[in-house]
Amino acid sequence: MTKYMLSAHSVEGQSPPPMSPEDIQQVTEQVLALEGEMKEAGVWVFGGRLHGPDTATVVRASGRQVITTDGPFVEAREHLGGFYVLEADDLDAALSWAAKVTSIVGAPIEVRPFAGPPEG
């Protein structure tokens, strides 16, 4: 099985329509149900939601010095908002899970396999 990252990207300045507390509760329940389905299917590795890019710190090496800078690595309108790491049989299976995620969260979901030697 291959590990895939399903990532949700947000666009800075584009807020989703306001949601009532009931709508928020419904989406939360749908997300938790989907995560339960992923776990039950044995594909779940882990997932998480991230704070905004303004909370990022970039660490880079410059010669022998290590430099830290507040803020995102690149100035961009789009940023990673959250992700799942799944272990799926193939790309089609990962895409099927991504379809379920996007229908709940309403954000585009990028699906990418992890690189590296096969595990086993």
N, C-alpha and C. Protein backbone atom coordinates (compact mmCIF):
# COMPACT_ATOMS: atom_id res chain seq x y z
N MET A 1 0.84 -1.18 0.00
CA MET A 1 0.00 0.00 0.00
C MET A 1 0.88 1.24 0.00
N THR A 2 0.39 2.27 -0.62
CA THR A 2 1.11 3.53 -0.74
C THR A 2 0.48 4.56 0.18
N LYS A 3 1.31 5.40 0.77
CA LYS A 3 0.81 6.51 1.57
C LYS A 3 0.56 7.70 0.66
N TYR A 4 -0.58 8.35 0.86
CA TYR A 4 -0.97 9.53 0.09
C TYR A 4 -1.28 10.66 1.05
N MET A 5 -0.92 11.87 0.64
CA MET A 5 -1.32 13.06 1.41
C MET A 5 -2.47 13.72 0.67
N LEU A 6 -3.57 13.91 1.37
CA LEU A 6 -4.71 14.63 0.85
C LEU A 6 -4.68 16.00 1.53
N SER A 7 -4.37 17.04 0.79
CA SER A 7 -4.21 18.36 1.42
C SER A 7 -5.29 19.32 0.94
N ALA A 8 -5.78 20.09 1.90
CA ALA A 8 -6.80 21.11 1.63
C ALA A 8 -6.11 22.47 1.65
N HIS A 9 -6.33 23.23 0.60
CA HIS A 9 -5.70 24.55 0.50
C HIS A 9 -6.76 25.63 0.63
N SER A 10 -6.41 26.69 1.33
CA SER A 10 -7.29 27.84 1.49
C SER A 10 -6.70 29.00 0.72
N VAL A 11 -7.57 29.92 0.32
CA VAL A 11 -7.12 31.11 -0.38
C VAL A 11 -7.31 32.30 0.55
N GLU A 12 -6.20 32.97 0.84
CA GLU A 12 -6.24 34.12 1.73
C GLU A 12 -7.21 35.17 1.19
N GLY A 13 -8.04 35.67 2.07
CA GLY A 13 -9.01 36.69 1.68
C GLY A 13 -10.32 36.13 1.17
N GLN A 14 -10.36 34.84 0.87
CA GLN A 14 -11.61 34.21 0.43
C GLN A 14 -12.17 33.39 1.58
N SER A 15 -13.12 33.97 2.26
CA SER A 15 -13.73 33.28 3.39
C SER A 15 -14.95 32.50 2.92
N PRO A 16 -15.16 31.35 3.51
CA PRO A 16 -16.39 30.63 3.17
C PRO A 16 -17.59 31.44 3.67
N PRO A 17 -18.76 31.17 3.15
CA PRO A 17 -19.94 31.88 3.64
C PRO A 17 -20.11 31.66 5.14
N PRO A 18 -20.66 32.65 5.84
CA PRO A 18 -20.86 32.47 7.28
C PRO A 18 -21.72 31.24 7.57
N MET A 19 -21.39 30.58 8.66
CA MET A 19 -22.14 29.38 9.03
C MET A 19 -22.77 29.59 10.39
N SER A 20 -23.97 29.05 10.52
CA SER A 20 -24.64 29.10 11.82
C SER A 20 -23.99 28.06 12.73
N PRO A 21 -24.20 28.18 14.03
CA PRO A 21 -23.67 27.14 14.94
C PRO A 21 -24.15 25.74 14.56
N GLU A 22 -25.37 25.65 14.07
CA GLU A 22 -25.91 24.34 13.66
C GLU A 22 -25.15 23.81 12.44
N ASP A 23 -24.85 24.71 11.48
CA ASP A 23 -24.08 24.30 10.30
C ASP A 23 -22.68 23.84 10.69
N ILE A 24 -22.05 24.58 11.59
CA ILE A 24 -20.71 24.21 12.06
C ILE A 24 -20.75 22.84 12.72
N GLN A 25 -21.76 22.61 13.55
CA GLN A 25 -21.89 21.32 14.22
C GLN A 25 -22.09 20.20 13.20
N GLN A 26 -22.91 20.46 12.17
CA GLN A 26 -23.17 19.44 11.15
C GLN A 26 -21.89 19.09 10.38
N VAL A 27 -21.11 20.10 9.98
CA VAL A 27 -19.85 19.85 9.26
C VAL A 27 -18.88 19.10 10.15
N THR A 28 -18.79 19.51 11.40
CA THR A 28 -17.89 18.83 12.36
C THR A 28 -18.28 17.36 12.49
N GLU A 29 -19.56 17.09 12.61
CA GLU A 29 -20.02 15.70 12.71
C GLU A 29 -19.70 14.91 11.45
N GLN A 30 -19.84 15.56 10.27
CA GLN A 30 -19.54 14.89 9.01
C GLN A 30 -18.04 14.58 8.91
N VAL A 31 -17.20 15.53 9.32
CA VAL A 31 -15.75 15.31 9.29
C VAL A 31 -15.38 14.16 10.23
N LEU A 32 -15.91 14.18 11.45
CA LEU A 32 -15.60 13.12 12.40
C LEU A 32 -16.11 11.77 11.91
N ALA A 33 -17.27 11.75 11.26
CA ALA A 33 -17.79 10.49 10.71
C ALA A 33 -16.89 9.98 9.59
N LEU A 34 -16.44 10.88 8.72
CA LEU A 34 -15.55 10.47 7.63
C LEU A 34 -14.22 9.95 8.20
N GLU A 35 -13.68 10.63 9.20
CA GLU A 35 -12.44 10.15 9.81
C GLU A 35 -12.65 8.78 10.44
N GLY A 36 -13.81 8.56 11.05
CA GLY A 36 -14.13 7.24 11.59
C GLY A 36 -14.21 6.19 10.50
N GLU A 37 -14.79 6.57 9.35
CA GLU A 37 -14.86 5.66 8.20
C GLU A 37 -13.47 5.31 7.69
N MET A 38 -12.58 6.32 7.64
CA MET A 38 -11.20 6.08 7.21
C MET A 38 -10.50 5.10 8.15
N LYS A 39 -10.70 5.31 9.45
CA LYS A 39 -10.08 4.43 10.45
C LYS A 39 -10.62 3.02 10.34
N GLU A 40 -11.94 2.91 10.19
CA GLU A 40 -12.56 1.59 10.07
C GLU A 40 -12.09 0.86 8.81
N ALA A 41 -11.85 1.61 7.74
CA ALA A 41 -11.38 1.01 6.49
C ALA A 41 -9.89 0.66 6.54
N GLY A 42 -9.20 1.13 7.58
CA GLY A 42 -7.77 0.82 7.72
C GLY A 42 -6.85 1.68 6.88
N VAL A 43 -7.35 2.81 6.36
CA VAL A 43 -6.51 3.67 5.53
C VAL A 43 -5.93 4.85 6.30
N TRP A 44 -6.50 5.18 7.43
CA TRP A 44 -6.10 6.34 8.23
C TRP A 44 -4.68 6.18 8.75
N VAL A 45 -3.83 7.17 8.53
CA VAL A 45 -2.52 7.23 9.18
C VAL A 45 -2.56 8.36 10.19
N PHE A 46 -2.81 9.59 9.73
CA PHE A 46 -3.08 10.72 10.62
C PHE A 46 -3.54 11.91 9.80
N GLY A 47 -4.02 12.93 10.47
CA GLY A 47 -4.48 14.13 9.79
C GLY A 47 -4.46 15.29 10.75
N GLY A 48 -4.63 16.48 10.22
CA GLY A 48 -4.66 17.64 11.08
C GLY A 48 -5.04 18.91 10.35
N ARG A 49 -5.50 19.86 11.12
CA ARG A 49 -5.83 21.19 10.61
C ARG A 49 -4.74 22.13 11.10
N LEU A 50 -4.34 23.05 10.26
CA LEU A 50 -3.24 23.96 10.60
C LEU A 50 -3.76 25.35 10.90
N HIS A 51 -3.03 26.07 11.76
CA HIS A 51 -3.29 27.49 11.96
C HIS A 51 -2.90 28.22 10.68
N GLY A 52 -3.26 29.48 10.57
CA GLY A 52 -2.98 30.27 9.38
C GLY A 52 -1.49 30.47 9.13
N PRO A 53 -1.13 30.86 7.92
CA PRO A 53 0.28 31.02 7.55
C PRO A 53 0.99 32.11 8.35
N ASP A 54 0.24 33.03 8.94
CA ASP A 54 0.87 34.08 9.75
C ASP A 54 1.49 33.52 11.03
N THR A 55 1.18 32.26 11.38
CA THR A 55 1.77 31.63 12.57
C THR A 55 3.03 30.83 12.24
N ALA A 56 3.40 30.78 10.97
CA ALA A 56 4.54 29.96 10.53
C ALA A 56 5.87 30.60 10.92
N THR A 57 6.85 29.77 11.12
CA THR A 57 8.25 30.18 11.27
C THR A 57 9.06 29.33 10.31
N VAL A 58 9.89 29.99 9.51
CA VAL A 58 10.73 29.29 8.54
C VAL A 58 12.14 29.21 9.11
N VAL A 59 12.72 28.02 9.06
CA VAL A 59 14.09 27.79 9.52
C VAL A 59 14.91 27.40 8.30
N ARG A 60 16.03 28.12 8.07
CA ARG A 60 16.86 27.79 6.91
C ARG A 60 18.32 27.92 7.29
N ALA A 61 19.13 27.14 6.59
CA ALA A 61 20.57 27.21 6.79
C ALA A 61 21.16 28.17 5.76
N SER A 62 22.08 29.00 6.21
CA SER A 62 22.81 29.91 5.33
C SER A 62 24.27 29.79 5.72
N GLY A 63 24.98 28.96 4.94
CA GLY A 63 26.35 28.65 5.33
C GLY A 63 26.32 27.85 6.62
N ARG A 64 27.00 28.36 7.64
CA ARG A 64 27.01 27.67 8.94
C ARG A 64 26.00 28.26 9.91
N GLN A 65 25.27 29.26 9.47
CA GLN A 65 24.27 29.89 10.33
C GLN A 65 22.89 29.31 10.08
N VAL A 66 22.10 29.27 11.12
CA VAL A 66 20.70 28.92 10.99
C VAL A 66 19.90 30.18 11.25
N ILE A 67 19.02 30.49 10.30
CA ILE A 67 18.24 31.71 10.37
C ILE A 67 16.76 31.35 10.48
N THR A 68 16.06 32.00 11.40
CA THR A 68 14.62 31.81 11.49
C THR A 68 13.92 33.11 11.09
N THR A 69 12.80 32.97 10.41
CA THR A 69 12.02 34.12 9.96
C THR A 69 10.56 33.85 10.26
N ASP A 70 9.88 34.85 10.78
CA ASP A 70 8.44 34.71 11.02
C ASP A 70 7.70 34.79 9.70
N GLY A 71 6.62 34.04 9.61
CA GLY A 71 5.77 34.09 8.42
C GLY A 71 6.01 32.92 7.51
N PRO A 72 5.19 32.81 6.49
CA PRO A 72 5.29 31.66 5.58
C PRO A 72 6.55 31.71 4.72
N PHE A 73 6.90 30.57 4.15
CA PHE A 73 8.08 30.45 3.30
C PHE A 73 7.94 31.31 2.06
N VAL A 74 6.77 31.30 1.46
CA VAL A 74 6.51 32.12 0.27
C VAL A 74 5.30 33.00 0.53
N GLU A 75 5.32 34.15 -0.05
CA GLU A 75 4.14 35.02 0.01
C GLU A 75 3.20 34.55 -1.08
N ALA A 76 2.09 34.00 -0.68
CA ALA A 76 1.13 33.47 -1.64
C ALA A 76 -0.28 33.63 -1.10
N ARG A 77 -1.21 33.68 -1.99
CA ARG A 77 -2.61 33.76 -1.56
C ARG A 77 -3.11 32.41 -1.07
N GLU A 78 -2.61 31.32 -1.68
CA GLU A 78 -3.03 30.00 -1.25
C GLU A 78 -2.07 29.46 -0.20
N HIS A 79 -2.64 28.73 0.75
CA HIS A 79 -1.80 28.09 1.76
C HIS A 79 -2.46 26.79 2.22
N LEU A 80 -1.63 25.92 2.75
CA LEU A 80 -2.09 24.64 3.26
C LEU A 80 -2.91 24.87 4.52
N GLY A 81 -4.14 24.37 4.52
CA GLY A 81 -5.01 24.57 5.67
C GLY A 81 -5.13 23.33 6.55
N GLY A 82 -4.98 22.17 5.95
CA GLY A 82 -5.08 20.92 6.70
C GLY A 82 -4.77 19.76 5.78
N PHE A 83 -4.70 18.57 6.36
CA PHE A 83 -4.30 17.41 5.55
C PHE A 83 -4.69 16.11 6.22
N TYR A 84 -4.71 15.07 5.42
CA TYR A 84 -4.81 13.69 5.89
C TYR A 84 -3.67 12.93 5.25
N VAL A 85 -3.12 11.99 5.96
CA VAL A 85 -2.19 11.02 5.38
C VAL A 85 -2.89 9.68 5.47
N LEU A 86 -3.10 9.09 4.30
CA LEU A 86 -3.79 7.81 4.21
C LEU A 86 -2.88 6.76 3.59
N GLU A 87 -3.17 5.52 3.88
CA GLU A 87 -2.47 4.41 3.24
C GLU A 87 -3.50 3.68 2.39
N ALA A 88 -3.41 3.85 1.09
CA ALA A 88 -4.42 3.31 0.18
C ALA A 88 -3.79 2.32 -0.80
N ASP A 89 -4.63 1.46 -1.35
CA ASP A 89 -4.16 0.45 -2.30
C ASP A 89 -3.58 1.08 -3.56
N ASP A 90 -4.21 2.17 -4.02
CA ASP A 90 -3.76 2.80 -5.25
C ASP A 90 -4.31 4.23 -5.33
N LEU A 91 -3.94 4.93 -6.39
CA LEU A 91 -4.36 6.32 -6.56
C LEU A 91 -5.88 6.43 -6.64
N ASP A 92 -6.54 5.51 -7.31
CA ASP A 92 -8.00 5.57 -7.42
C ASP A 92 -8.65 5.53 -6.04
N ALA A 93 -8.14 4.70 -5.16
CA ALA A 93 -8.69 4.63 -3.81
C ALA A 93 -8.46 5.94 -3.06
N ALA A 94 -7.27 6.52 -3.20
CA ALA A 94 -6.97 7.80 -2.56
C ALA A 94 -7.88 8.90 -3.11
N LEU A 95 -8.11 8.90 -4.42
CA LEU A 95 -8.99 9.89 -5.04
C LEU A 95 -10.43 9.76 -4.55
N SER A 96 -10.84 8.54 -4.28
CA SER A 96 -12.18 8.30 -3.76
C SER A 96 -12.34 8.93 -2.38
N TRP A 97 -11.32 8.79 -1.53
CA TRP A 97 -11.35 9.43 -0.21
C TRP A 97 -11.32 10.95 -0.35
N ALA A 98 -10.52 11.46 -1.28
CA ALA A 98 -10.44 12.91 -1.51
C ALA A 98 -11.79 13.46 -1.94
N ALA A 99 -12.53 12.72 -2.74
CA ALA A 99 -13.85 13.16 -3.17
C ALA A 99 -14.78 13.32 -1.97
N LYS A 100 -14.67 12.42 -1.02
CA LYS A 100 -15.49 12.53 0.19
C LYS A 100 -15.09 13.74 1.02
N VAL A 101 -13.78 13.99 1.12
CA VAL A 101 -13.31 15.14 1.90
C VAL A 101 -13.77 16.44 1.28
N THR A 102 -13.58 16.61 -0.03
CA THR A 102 -13.94 17.88 -0.67
C THR A 102 -15.44 18.14 -0.59
N SER A 103 -16.25 17.10 -0.64
CA SER A 103 -17.69 17.31 -0.57
C SER A 103 -18.12 17.80 0.81
N ILE A 104 -17.33 17.53 1.84
CA ILE A 104 -17.66 18.00 3.18
C ILE A 104 -17.07 19.38 3.43
N VAL A 105 -15.78 19.55 3.15
CA VAL A 105 -15.11 20.80 3.52
C VAL A 105 -15.24 21.90 2.47
N GLY A 106 -15.59 21.54 1.24
CA GLY A 106 -15.79 22.53 0.20
C GLY A 106 -14.53 23.16 -0.35
N ALA A 107 -13.38 22.64 -0.01
CA ALA A 107 -12.10 23.14 -0.52
C ALA A 107 -11.53 22.12 -1.49
N PRO A 108 -10.73 22.59 -2.48
CA PRO A 108 -10.06 21.63 -3.35
C PRO A 108 -9.11 20.75 -2.55
N ILE A 109 -9.00 19.50 -2.92
CA ILE A 109 -8.11 18.56 -2.23
C ILE A 109 -7.06 18.08 -3.21
N GLU A 110 -5.81 18.31 -2.87
CA GLU A 110 -4.69 17.82 -3.69
C GLU A 110 -4.28 16.46 -3.15
N VAL A 111 -4.09 15.49 -4.04
CA VAL A 111 -3.70 14.13 -3.66
C VAL A 111 -2.32 13.87 -4.23
N ARG A 112 -1.38 13.52 -3.34
CA ARG A 112 -0.01 13.23 -3.79
C ARG A 112 0.53 12.04 -3.04
N PRO A 113 1.17 11.10 -3.77
CA PRO A 113 1.80 9.97 -3.10
C PRO A 113 3.11 10.39 -2.45
N PHE A 114 3.45 9.71 -1.37
CA PHE A 114 4.75 9.92 -0.76
C PHE A 114 5.81 9.25 -1.62
N ALA A 115 6.97 9.86 -1.73
CA ALA A 115 8.08 9.30 -2.49
C ALA A 115 8.94 8.44 -1.57
N GLY A 116 9.64 7.52 -2.15
CA GLY A 116 10.56 6.72 -1.34
C GLY A 116 10.43 5.25 -1.67
N PRO A 117 11.29 4.47 -1.06
CA PRO A 117 11.24 3.03 -1.31
C PRO A 117 9.97 2.43 -0.73
N PRO A 118 9.48 1.35 -1.34
CA PRO A 118 8.28 0.71 -0.79
C PRO A 118 8.56 0.17 0.61
N GLU A 119 7.55 0.26 1.43
CA GLU A 119 7.67 -0.28 2.79
C GLU A 119 7.35 -1.76 2.75
N GLY A 120 7.87 -2.45 3.70
CA GLY A 120 7.52 -3.86 3.71
C GLY A 120 8.40 -4.59 4.57
